[in-house]
Amino acid sequence: MPSGKKKNLSEYDVAAVPSGKGMKIGIVVSEWNNTITDVLAEGAVETLRKYGVREEDILVEHVPGSFELTLGARWMAEYSDVDGVICLGCVIQGETPHFTYICQGVTQGITQLNIKYNIPFIFGVLTTSNMQQALDRAGGKHGNKGVEAAVTVLKMIGLKRSLI
């Protein structure tokens, strides 16, 4: 394996992750491709708990598909007192341009939420060519994107807190 290249994409420096004590985290999960998204959510919740976020401070809500993640995340920011929101979904490329439209819409939507609100919205959406690639990133050989998203939200909230 070439140097600097990791097989498990979810590897991270444990010491660089701030404590989640006192943080309230929202997780919006797409029901579409739930065999994948449920595993992503489990990885995110487990990681948040590992870093001290209390079970009652983890708010998990479901939306029908990845396209709805943006609005679900916005509502979570507006109607709850979360410090950050993780958006988890899985879009697998098919034979039509639907994949491209959904991926672009979700990416742009989550980007806009990050700009509009003063909390981090984390992009934990798998955009894969096939189911095997999704499985590889949902607890398979490339780790769990839900774990990565949880680490990212903790780091972003930690950054904000260090600046204010």
N, C-alpha and C. Protein backbone atom coordinates (compact mmCIF):
# COMPACT_ATOMS: atom_id res chain seq x y z
N MET A 1 0.85 -1.18 0.00
CA MET A 1 0.00 0.00 0.00
C MET A 1 0.90 1.24 0.00
N PRO A 2 0.67 2.22 -0.91
CA PRO A 2 1.49 3.42 -0.96
C PRO A 2 1.43 4.18 0.36
N SER A 3 2.53 4.85 0.69
CA SER A 3 2.56 5.57 1.96
C SER A 3 1.54 6.70 1.95
N GLY A 4 0.95 6.96 3.13
CA GLY A 4 -0.05 8.00 3.27
C GLY A 4 -1.46 7.57 2.88
N LYS A 5 -1.61 6.40 2.34
CA LYS A 5 -2.92 5.93 1.91
C LYS A 5 -3.46 4.96 2.96
N LYS A 6 -4.68 5.23 3.44
CA LYS A 6 -5.29 4.40 4.46
C LYS A 6 -6.35 3.52 3.85
N LYS A 7 -6.40 2.29 4.29
CA LYS A 7 -7.46 1.38 3.84
C LYS A 7 -8.78 1.75 4.50
N ASN A 8 -8.75 2.00 5.81
CA ASN A 8 -9.95 2.36 6.55
C ASN A 8 -10.06 3.88 6.55
N LEU A 9 -11.02 4.41 5.81
CA LEU A 9 -11.18 5.85 5.68
C LEU A 9 -11.65 6.51 6.97
N SER A 10 -12.13 5.73 7.92
CA SER A 10 -12.64 6.28 9.17
C SER A 10 -11.58 6.38 10.27
N GLU A 11 -10.33 6.10 9.96
CA GLU A 11 -9.28 6.24 10.96
C GLU A 11 -9.09 7.71 11.28
N TYR A 12 -8.88 8.02 12.56
CA TYR A 12 -8.68 9.41 12.97
C TYR A 12 -7.87 9.42 14.25
N ASP A 13 -7.33 10.59 14.59
CA ASP A 13 -6.55 10.79 15.80
C ASP A 13 -7.50 10.99 16.97
N VAL A 14 -7.61 9.98 17.81
CA VAL A 14 -8.53 10.01 18.95
C VAL A 14 -8.24 11.21 19.85
N ALA A 15 -6.98 11.55 20.03
CA ALA A 15 -6.62 12.65 20.91
C ALA A 15 -7.05 14.01 20.36
N ALA A 16 -7.34 14.09 19.07
CA ALA A 16 -7.72 15.36 18.45
C ALA A 16 -9.22 15.63 18.50
N VAL A 17 -9.98 14.70 19.07
CA VAL A 17 -11.44 14.85 19.12
C VAL A 17 -11.82 15.45 20.48
N PRO A 18 -12.50 16.60 20.46
CA PRO A 18 -12.89 17.22 21.73
C PRO A 18 -13.99 16.42 22.43
N SER A 19 -14.11 16.63 23.71
CA SER A 19 -15.17 16.00 24.49
C SER A 19 -16.52 16.51 24.01
N GLY A 20 -17.50 15.62 24.01
CA GLY A 20 -18.85 15.99 23.64
C GLY A 20 -19.72 16.35 24.83
N LYS A 21 -19.12 16.40 26.02
CA LYS A 21 -19.91 16.72 27.22
C LYS A 21 -20.55 18.09 27.06
N GLY A 22 -21.85 18.13 27.35
CA GLY A 22 -22.59 19.38 27.25
C GLY A 22 -23.06 19.73 25.85
N MET A 23 -22.74 18.89 24.88
CA MET A 23 -23.19 19.14 23.51
C MET A 23 -24.50 18.42 23.25
N LYS A 24 -25.34 19.05 22.44
CA LYS A 24 -26.59 18.42 21.98
C LYS A 24 -26.48 18.31 20.45
N ILE A 25 -26.60 17.09 19.96
CA ILE A 25 -26.38 16.81 18.55
C ILE A 25 -27.63 16.24 17.90
N GLY A 26 -27.99 16.78 16.75
CA GLY A 26 -29.08 16.25 15.96
C GLY A 26 -28.53 15.37 14.85
N ILE A 27 -29.26 14.32 14.55
CA ILE A 27 -28.90 13.43 13.44
C ILE A 27 -30.16 13.24 12.60
N VAL A 28 -30.07 13.59 11.32
CA VAL A 28 -31.18 13.38 10.40
C VAL A 28 -30.76 12.25 9.47
N VAL A 29 -31.60 11.21 9.41
CA VAL A 29 -31.25 9.98 8.69
C VAL A 29 -32.27 9.71 7.59
N SER A 30 -31.79 9.46 6.40
CA SER A 30 -32.65 9.08 5.29
C SER A 30 -33.13 7.65 5.47
N GLU A 31 -34.43 7.44 5.23
CA GLU A 31 -34.99 6.08 5.28
C GLU A 31 -34.67 5.30 4.01
N TRP A 32 -34.38 6.01 2.91
CA TRP A 32 -34.05 5.34 1.65
C TRP A 32 -32.70 4.67 1.81
N ASN A 33 -32.57 3.45 1.36
CA ASN A 33 -31.35 2.64 1.55
C ASN A 33 -31.04 2.45 3.04
N ASN A 34 -32.09 2.16 3.81
CA ASN A 34 -31.94 2.09 5.27
C ASN A 34 -31.02 0.97 5.74
N THR A 35 -30.76 -0.04 4.93
CA THR A 35 -29.78 -1.05 5.36
C THR A 35 -28.40 -0.41 5.50
N ILE A 36 -28.18 0.66 4.77
CA ILE A 36 -26.93 1.41 4.86
C ILE A 36 -27.05 2.52 5.90
N THR A 37 -28.11 3.33 5.79
CA THR A 37 -28.21 4.50 6.65
C THR A 37 -28.40 4.15 8.12
N ASP A 38 -29.03 3.02 8.41
CA ASP A 38 -29.15 2.60 9.82
C ASP A 38 -27.78 2.31 10.42
N VAL A 39 -26.90 1.72 9.64
CA VAL A 39 -25.54 1.43 10.12
C VAL A 39 -24.76 2.73 10.30
N LEU A 40 -24.95 3.68 9.39
CA LEU A 40 -24.29 4.98 9.54
C LEU A 40 -24.76 5.66 10.82
N ALA A 41 -26.06 5.61 11.08
CA ALA A 41 -26.61 6.24 12.29
C ALA A 41 -26.08 5.56 13.55
N GLU A 42 -26.03 4.24 13.54
CA GLU A 42 -25.49 3.52 14.70
C GLU A 42 -24.04 3.93 14.96
N GLY A 43 -23.25 4.05 13.91
CA GLY A 43 -21.85 4.46 14.07
C GLY A 43 -21.74 5.87 14.63
N ALA A 44 -22.61 6.77 14.16
CA ALA A 44 -22.59 8.15 14.64
C ALA A 44 -22.98 8.21 16.11
N VAL A 45 -24.07 7.56 16.48
CA VAL A 45 -24.53 7.59 17.87
C VAL A 45 -23.48 6.98 18.80
N GLU A 46 -22.95 5.83 18.42
CA GLU A 46 -21.94 5.17 19.24
C GLU A 46 -20.72 6.08 19.44
N THR A 47 -20.31 6.76 18.41
CA THR A 47 -19.14 7.64 18.49
C THR A 47 -19.43 8.85 19.37
N LEU A 48 -20.60 9.44 19.21
CA LEU A 48 -20.96 10.58 20.06
C LEU A 48 -20.98 10.18 21.52
N ARG A 49 -21.55 9.02 21.82
CA ARG A 49 -21.59 8.54 23.21
C ARG A 49 -20.16 8.27 23.72
N LYS A 50 -19.33 7.71 22.87
CA LYS A 50 -17.92 7.43 23.23
C LYS A 50 -17.21 8.71 23.70
N TYR A 51 -17.57 9.84 23.09
CA TYR A 51 -16.92 11.10 23.43
C TYR A 51 -17.70 11.96 24.42
N GLY A 52 -18.68 11.35 25.10
CA GLY A 52 -19.32 12.01 26.22
C GLY A 52 -20.64 12.70 25.96
N VAL A 53 -21.19 12.58 24.76
CA VAL A 53 -22.51 13.15 24.53
C VAL A 53 -23.54 12.22 25.19
N ARG A 54 -24.38 12.78 26.03
CA ARG A 54 -25.38 11.97 26.72
C ARG A 54 -26.44 11.48 25.74
N GLU A 55 -26.96 10.29 26.01
CA GLU A 55 -27.99 9.69 25.16
C GLU A 55 -29.16 10.65 24.94
N GLU A 56 -29.59 11.32 26.01
CA GLU A 56 -30.72 12.24 25.89
C GLU A 56 -30.39 13.51 25.12
N ASP A 57 -29.11 13.73 24.84
CA ASP A 57 -28.68 14.90 24.05
C ASP A 57 -28.37 14.54 22.60
N ILE A 58 -28.77 13.35 22.20
CA ILE A 58 -28.66 12.93 20.80
C ILE A 58 -30.07 12.78 20.26
N LEU A 59 -30.43 13.66 19.35
CA LEU A 59 -31.78 13.67 18.77
C LEU A 59 -31.71 13.09 17.36
N VAL A 60 -32.37 11.95 17.16
CA VAL A 60 -32.36 11.27 15.86
C VAL A 60 -33.74 11.36 15.24
N GLU A 61 -33.80 11.87 14.01
CA GLU A 61 -35.05 11.95 13.27
C GLU A 61 -34.83 11.38 11.88
N HIS A 62 -35.89 10.86 11.29
CA HIS A 62 -35.81 10.25 9.96
C HIS A 62 -36.60 11.05 8.94
N VAL A 63 -36.10 11.06 7.72
CA VAL A 63 -36.78 11.67 6.58
C VAL A 63 -36.87 10.61 5.49
N PRO A 64 -37.80 10.77 4.53
CA PRO A 64 -37.99 9.71 3.53
C PRO A 64 -36.75 9.41 2.67
N GLY A 65 -36.05 10.43 2.22
CA GLY A 65 -34.91 10.20 1.34
C GLY A 65 -33.82 11.22 1.56
N SER A 66 -32.74 11.07 0.82
CA SER A 66 -31.60 11.98 0.98
C SER A 66 -31.95 13.41 0.59
N PHE A 67 -32.82 13.59 -0.40
CA PHE A 67 -33.20 14.94 -0.81
C PHE A 67 -33.85 15.69 0.34
N GLU A 68 -34.56 14.99 1.20
CA GLU A 68 -35.26 15.62 2.33
C GLU A 68 -34.36 15.91 3.52
N LEU A 69 -33.11 15.48 3.47
CA LEU A 69 -32.19 15.74 4.58
C LEU A 69 -32.04 17.23 4.87
N THR A 70 -31.98 18.03 3.82
CA THR A 70 -31.76 19.46 4.00
C THR A 70 -32.88 20.10 4.81
N LEU A 71 -34.11 19.85 4.44
CA LEU A 71 -35.22 20.45 5.17
C LEU A 71 -35.34 19.87 6.58
N GLY A 72 -35.14 18.57 6.70
CA GLY A 72 -35.16 17.95 8.03
C GLY A 72 -34.10 18.57 8.94
N ALA A 73 -32.92 18.80 8.40
CA ALA A 73 -31.84 19.41 9.17
C ALA A 73 -32.16 20.86 9.53
N ARG A 74 -32.77 21.57 8.59
CA ARG A 74 -33.16 22.96 8.88
C ARG A 74 -34.18 23.00 10.01
N TRP A 75 -35.19 22.15 9.92
CA TRP A 75 -36.19 22.12 10.99
C TRP A 75 -35.56 21.76 12.33
N MET A 76 -34.60 20.84 12.31
CA MET A 76 -33.95 20.46 13.56
C MET A 76 -33.23 21.67 14.16
N ALA A 77 -32.58 22.45 13.29
CA ALA A 77 -31.87 23.64 13.77
C ALA A 77 -32.85 24.70 14.29
N GLU A 78 -33.99 24.82 13.64
CA GLU A 78 -34.94 25.87 14.01
C GLU A 78 -35.83 25.50 15.19
N TYR A 79 -36.14 24.22 15.36
CA TYR A 79 -37.12 23.82 16.36
C TYR A 79 -36.54 23.03 17.53
N SER A 80 -35.23 22.95 17.60
CA SER A 80 -34.58 22.32 18.74
C SER A 80 -33.33 23.13 19.07
N ASP A 81 -32.70 22.83 20.14
CA ASP A 81 -31.53 23.62 20.54
C ASP A 81 -30.23 22.85 20.34
N VAL A 82 -30.08 22.23 19.18
CA VAL A 82 -28.88 21.44 18.89
C VAL A 82 -27.68 22.34 18.61
N ASP A 83 -26.51 21.81 18.93
CA ASP A 83 -25.25 22.52 18.65
C ASP A 83 -24.72 22.20 17.26
N GLY A 84 -25.21 21.13 16.67
CA GLY A 84 -24.79 20.72 15.33
C GLY A 84 -25.71 19.62 14.83
N VAL A 85 -25.73 19.44 13.51
CA VAL A 85 -26.60 18.45 12.88
C VAL A 85 -25.79 17.59 11.92
N ILE A 86 -25.94 16.28 12.05
CA ILE A 86 -25.33 15.33 11.13
C ILE A 86 -26.41 14.87 10.15
N CYS A 87 -26.12 14.94 8.87
CA CYS A 87 -27.05 14.48 7.82
C CYS A 87 -26.51 13.18 7.23
N LEU A 88 -27.29 12.10 7.37
CA LEU A 88 -26.85 10.79 6.91
C LEU A 88 -27.77 10.25 5.83
N GLY A 89 -27.18 9.90 4.70
CA GLY A 89 -27.96 9.34 3.60
C GLY A 89 -27.09 8.48 2.72
N CYS A 90 -27.73 7.88 1.73
CA CYS A 90 -27.02 7.03 0.78
C CYS A 90 -27.72 7.11 -0.57
N VAL A 91 -27.00 7.59 -1.56
CA VAL A 91 -27.51 7.68 -2.92
C VAL A 91 -26.62 6.80 -3.79
N ILE A 92 -27.23 5.81 -4.44
CA ILE A 92 -26.48 4.88 -5.28
C ILE A 92 -26.83 5.17 -6.74
N GLN A 93 -25.81 5.32 -7.54
CA GLN A 93 -26.01 5.68 -8.94
C GLN A 93 -26.82 4.62 -9.69
N GLY A 94 -27.77 5.09 -10.46
CA GLY A 94 -28.58 4.21 -11.30
C GLY A 94 -28.35 4.52 -12.76
N GLU A 95 -29.34 4.22 -13.57
CA GLU A 95 -29.20 4.39 -15.01
C GLU A 95 -29.71 5.75 -15.49
N THR A 96 -30.28 6.56 -14.61
CA THR A 96 -30.82 7.86 -15.01
C THR A 96 -30.05 8.98 -14.33
N PRO A 97 -30.25 10.22 -14.75
CA PRO A 97 -29.54 11.35 -14.12
C PRO A 97 -30.07 11.71 -12.73
N HIS A 98 -31.07 10.99 -12.24
CA HIS A 98 -31.63 11.23 -10.91
C HIS A 98 -30.53 11.33 -9.85
N PHE A 99 -29.56 10.44 -9.90
CA PHE A 99 -28.43 10.41 -8.96
C PHE A 99 -27.76 11.78 -8.90
N THR A 100 -27.44 12.33 -10.05
CA THR A 100 -26.73 13.61 -10.13
C THR A 100 -27.57 14.73 -9.51
N TYR A 101 -28.85 14.78 -9.84
CA TYR A 101 -29.71 15.84 -9.32
C TYR A 101 -29.85 15.75 -7.80
N ILE A 102 -30.04 14.56 -7.29
CA ILE A 102 -30.18 14.39 -5.84
C ILE A 102 -28.88 14.77 -5.14
N CYS A 103 -27.75 14.26 -5.62
CA CYS A 103 -26.46 14.55 -4.99
C CYS A 103 -26.15 16.05 -5.00
N GLN A 104 -26.39 16.70 -6.15
CA GLN A 104 -26.13 18.14 -6.24
C GLN A 104 -27.04 18.92 -5.31
N GLY A 105 -28.33 18.56 -5.28
CA GLY A 105 -29.28 19.26 -4.43
C GLY A 105 -28.94 19.14 -2.96
N VAL A 106 -28.62 17.93 -2.53
CA VAL A 106 -28.29 17.71 -1.12
C VAL A 106 -26.99 18.42 -0.76
N THR A 107 -26.00 18.33 -1.61
CA THR A 107 -24.72 18.99 -1.34
C THR A 107 -24.90 20.50 -1.23
N GLN A 108 -25.60 21.08 -2.18
CA GLN A 108 -25.83 22.53 -2.14
C GLN A 108 -26.70 22.93 -0.96
N GLY A 109 -27.71 22.10 -0.66
CA GLY A 109 -28.59 22.40 0.46
C GLY A 109 -27.86 22.40 1.79
N ILE A 110 -27.04 21.41 2.01
CA ILE A 110 -26.29 21.33 3.27
C ILE A 110 -25.26 22.47 3.34
N THR A 111 -24.65 22.80 2.22
CA THR A 111 -23.73 23.93 2.19
C THR A 111 -24.46 25.22 2.59
N GLN A 112 -25.65 25.44 2.05
CA GLN A 112 -26.42 26.64 2.38
C GLN A 112 -26.79 26.68 3.86
N LEU A 113 -27.13 25.53 4.44
CA LEU A 113 -27.43 25.50 5.87
C LEU A 113 -26.22 25.92 6.69
N ASN A 114 -25.04 25.46 6.30
CA ASN A 114 -23.81 25.85 7.01
C ASN A 114 -23.58 27.35 6.94
N ILE A 115 -23.94 27.96 5.83
CA ILE A 115 -23.74 29.39 5.66
C ILE A 115 -24.80 30.18 6.44
N LYS A 116 -26.04 29.70 6.42
CA LYS A 116 -27.15 30.45 7.01
C LYS A 116 -27.18 30.40 8.54
N TYR A 117 -26.90 29.23 9.11
CA TYR A 117 -27.03 29.06 10.55
C TYR A 117 -25.66 29.09 11.21
N ASN A 118 -25.66 29.34 12.48
CA ASN A 118 -24.41 29.45 13.21
C ASN A 118 -24.03 28.14 13.90
N ILE A 119 -24.39 27.03 13.27
CA ILE A 119 -24.02 25.71 13.77
C ILE A 119 -23.56 24.87 12.58
N PRO A 120 -22.76 23.83 12.84
CA PRO A 120 -22.30 22.99 11.74
C PRO A 120 -23.36 21.97 11.31
N PHE A 121 -23.48 21.80 10.01
CA PHE A 121 -24.28 20.75 9.39
C PHE A 121 -23.29 19.85 8.66
N ILE A 122 -23.24 18.59 9.03
CA ILE A 122 -22.22 17.68 8.53
C ILE A 122 -22.77 16.80 7.42
N PHE A 123 -22.06 16.76 6.32
CA PHE A 123 -22.42 15.98 5.14
C PHE A 123 -21.95 14.54 5.34
N GLY A 124 -22.87 13.67 5.71
CA GLY A 124 -22.58 12.25 5.89
C GLY A 124 -23.37 11.43 4.89
N VAL A 125 -23.36 11.86 3.65
CA VAL A 125 -24.14 11.22 2.61
C VAL A 125 -23.20 10.43 1.70
N LEU A 126 -23.43 9.14 1.62
CA LEU A 126 -22.66 8.32 0.69
C LEU A 126 -23.21 8.53 -0.71
N THR A 127 -22.32 8.76 -1.66
CA THR A 127 -22.70 8.92 -3.07
C THR A 127 -21.86 7.92 -3.84
N THR A 128 -22.39 6.73 -4.02
CA THR A 128 -21.60 5.63 -4.55
C THR A 128 -22.12 5.13 -5.89
N SER A 129 -21.26 4.41 -6.57
CA SER A 129 -21.61 3.84 -7.87
C SER A 129 -22.44 2.57 -7.74
N ASN A 130 -22.30 1.87 -6.60
CA ASN A 130 -23.02 0.61 -6.44
C ASN A 130 -23.19 0.29 -4.95
N MET A 131 -23.98 -0.71 -4.67
CA MET A 131 -24.27 -1.10 -3.29
C MET A 131 -23.02 -1.56 -2.56
N GLN A 132 -22.11 -2.26 -3.23
CA GLN A 132 -20.90 -2.73 -2.56
C GLN A 132 -20.07 -1.57 -2.03
N GLN A 133 -19.94 -0.51 -2.82
CA GLN A 133 -19.21 0.66 -2.34
C GLN A 133 -19.88 1.26 -1.10
N ALA A 134 -21.20 1.27 -1.09
CA ALA A 134 -21.92 1.78 0.08
C ALA A 134 -21.67 0.89 1.30
N LEU A 135 -21.75 -0.43 1.11
CA LEU A 135 -21.48 -1.35 2.22
C LEU A 135 -20.06 -1.20 2.74
N ASP A 136 -19.11 -0.97 1.85
CA ASP A 136 -17.71 -0.79 2.25
C ASP A 136 -17.52 0.44 3.14
N ARG A 137 -18.41 1.43 3.00
CA ARG A 137 -18.32 2.68 3.75
C ARG A 137 -19.33 2.75 4.90
N ALA A 138 -20.07 1.70 5.09
CA ALA A 138 -21.05 1.63 6.19
C ALA A 138 -20.69 0.44 7.08
N GLY A 139 -19.49 0.50 7.64
CA GLY A 139 -19.03 -0.56 8.52
C GLY A 139 -18.19 -1.61 7.84
N GLY A 140 -17.93 -1.44 6.55
CA GLY A 140 -17.12 -2.40 5.80
C GLY A 140 -15.65 -2.03 5.79
N LYS A 141 -14.96 -2.43 4.75
CA LYS A 141 -13.50 -2.29 4.70
C LYS A 141 -13.01 -0.85 4.69
N HIS A 142 -13.89 0.10 4.36
CA HIS A 142 -13.47 1.51 4.36
C HIS A 142 -14.00 2.27 5.58
N GLY A 143 -14.45 1.56 6.58
CA GLY A 143 -14.90 2.20 7.81
C GLY A 143 -16.38 2.51 7.80
N ASN A 144 -16.76 3.55 8.54
CA ASN A 144 -18.16 3.93 8.67
C ASN A 144 -18.26 5.45 8.58
N LYS A 145 -18.89 5.93 7.53
CA LYS A 145 -19.05 7.37 7.31
C LYS A 145 -19.82 8.03 8.46
N GLY A 146 -20.66 7.29 9.16
CA GLY A 146 -21.36 7.82 10.32
C GLY A 146 -20.40 8.17 11.45
N VAL A 147 -19.38 7.33 11.64
CA VAL A 147 -18.34 7.61 12.64
C VAL A 147 -17.61 8.89 12.25
N GLU A 148 -17.23 9.00 10.98
CA GLU A 148 -16.53 10.19 10.49
C GLU A 148 -17.37 11.45 10.70
N ALA A 149 -18.67 11.35 10.42
CA ALA A 149 -19.55 12.50 10.58
C ALA A 149 -19.65 12.93 12.04
N ALA A 150 -19.70 11.96 12.95
CA ALA A 150 -19.76 12.28 14.38
C ALA A 150 -18.47 12.96 14.85
N VAL A 151 -17.34 12.46 14.41
CA VAL A 151 -16.06 13.08 14.77
C VAL A 151 -16.02 14.51 14.21
N THR A 152 -16.49 14.68 13.00
CA THR A 152 -16.48 15.99 12.36
C THR A 152 -17.36 16.98 13.11
N VAL A 153 -18.57 16.58 13.52
CA VAL A 153 -19.43 17.52 14.23
C VAL A 153 -18.82 17.91 15.57
N LEU A 154 -18.19 16.95 16.26
CA LEU A 154 -17.54 17.28 17.53
C LEU A 154 -16.39 18.26 17.32
N LYS A 155 -15.61 18.05 16.29
CA LYS A 155 -14.50 18.96 16.00
C LYS A 155 -14.99 20.36 15.63
N MET A 156 -16.06 20.43 14.84
CA MET A 156 -16.56 21.73 14.42
C MET A 156 -17.18 22.50 15.60
N ILE A 157 -17.92 21.80 16.44
CA ILE A 157 -18.48 22.46 17.62
C ILE A 157 -17.35 22.90 18.54
N GLY A 158 -16.34 22.03 18.68
CA GLY A 158 -15.17 22.39 19.49
C GLY A 158 -14.46 23.61 18.95
N LEU A 159 -14.34 23.71 17.63
CA LEU A 159 -13.71 24.89 17.01
C LEU A 159 -14.51 26.14 17.32
N LYS A 160 -15.80 26.07 17.14
CA LYS A 160 -16.65 27.23 17.42
C LYS A 160 -16.49 27.68 18.87
N ARG A 161 -16.54 26.72 19.78
CA ARG A 161 -16.43 27.04 21.21
C ARG A 161 -15.07 27.65 21.55
N SER A 162 -14.03 27.25 20.83
CA SER A 162 -12.69 27.80 21.10
C SER A 162 -12.56 29.23 20.60
N LEU A 163 -13.43 29.63 19.68
CA LEU A 163 -13.34 30.96 19.08
C LEU A 163 -14.23 32.00 19.74
N ILE A 164 -15.26 31.52 20.50
CA ILE A 164 -16.17 32.50 21.11
C ILE A 164 -15.83 32.77 22.57
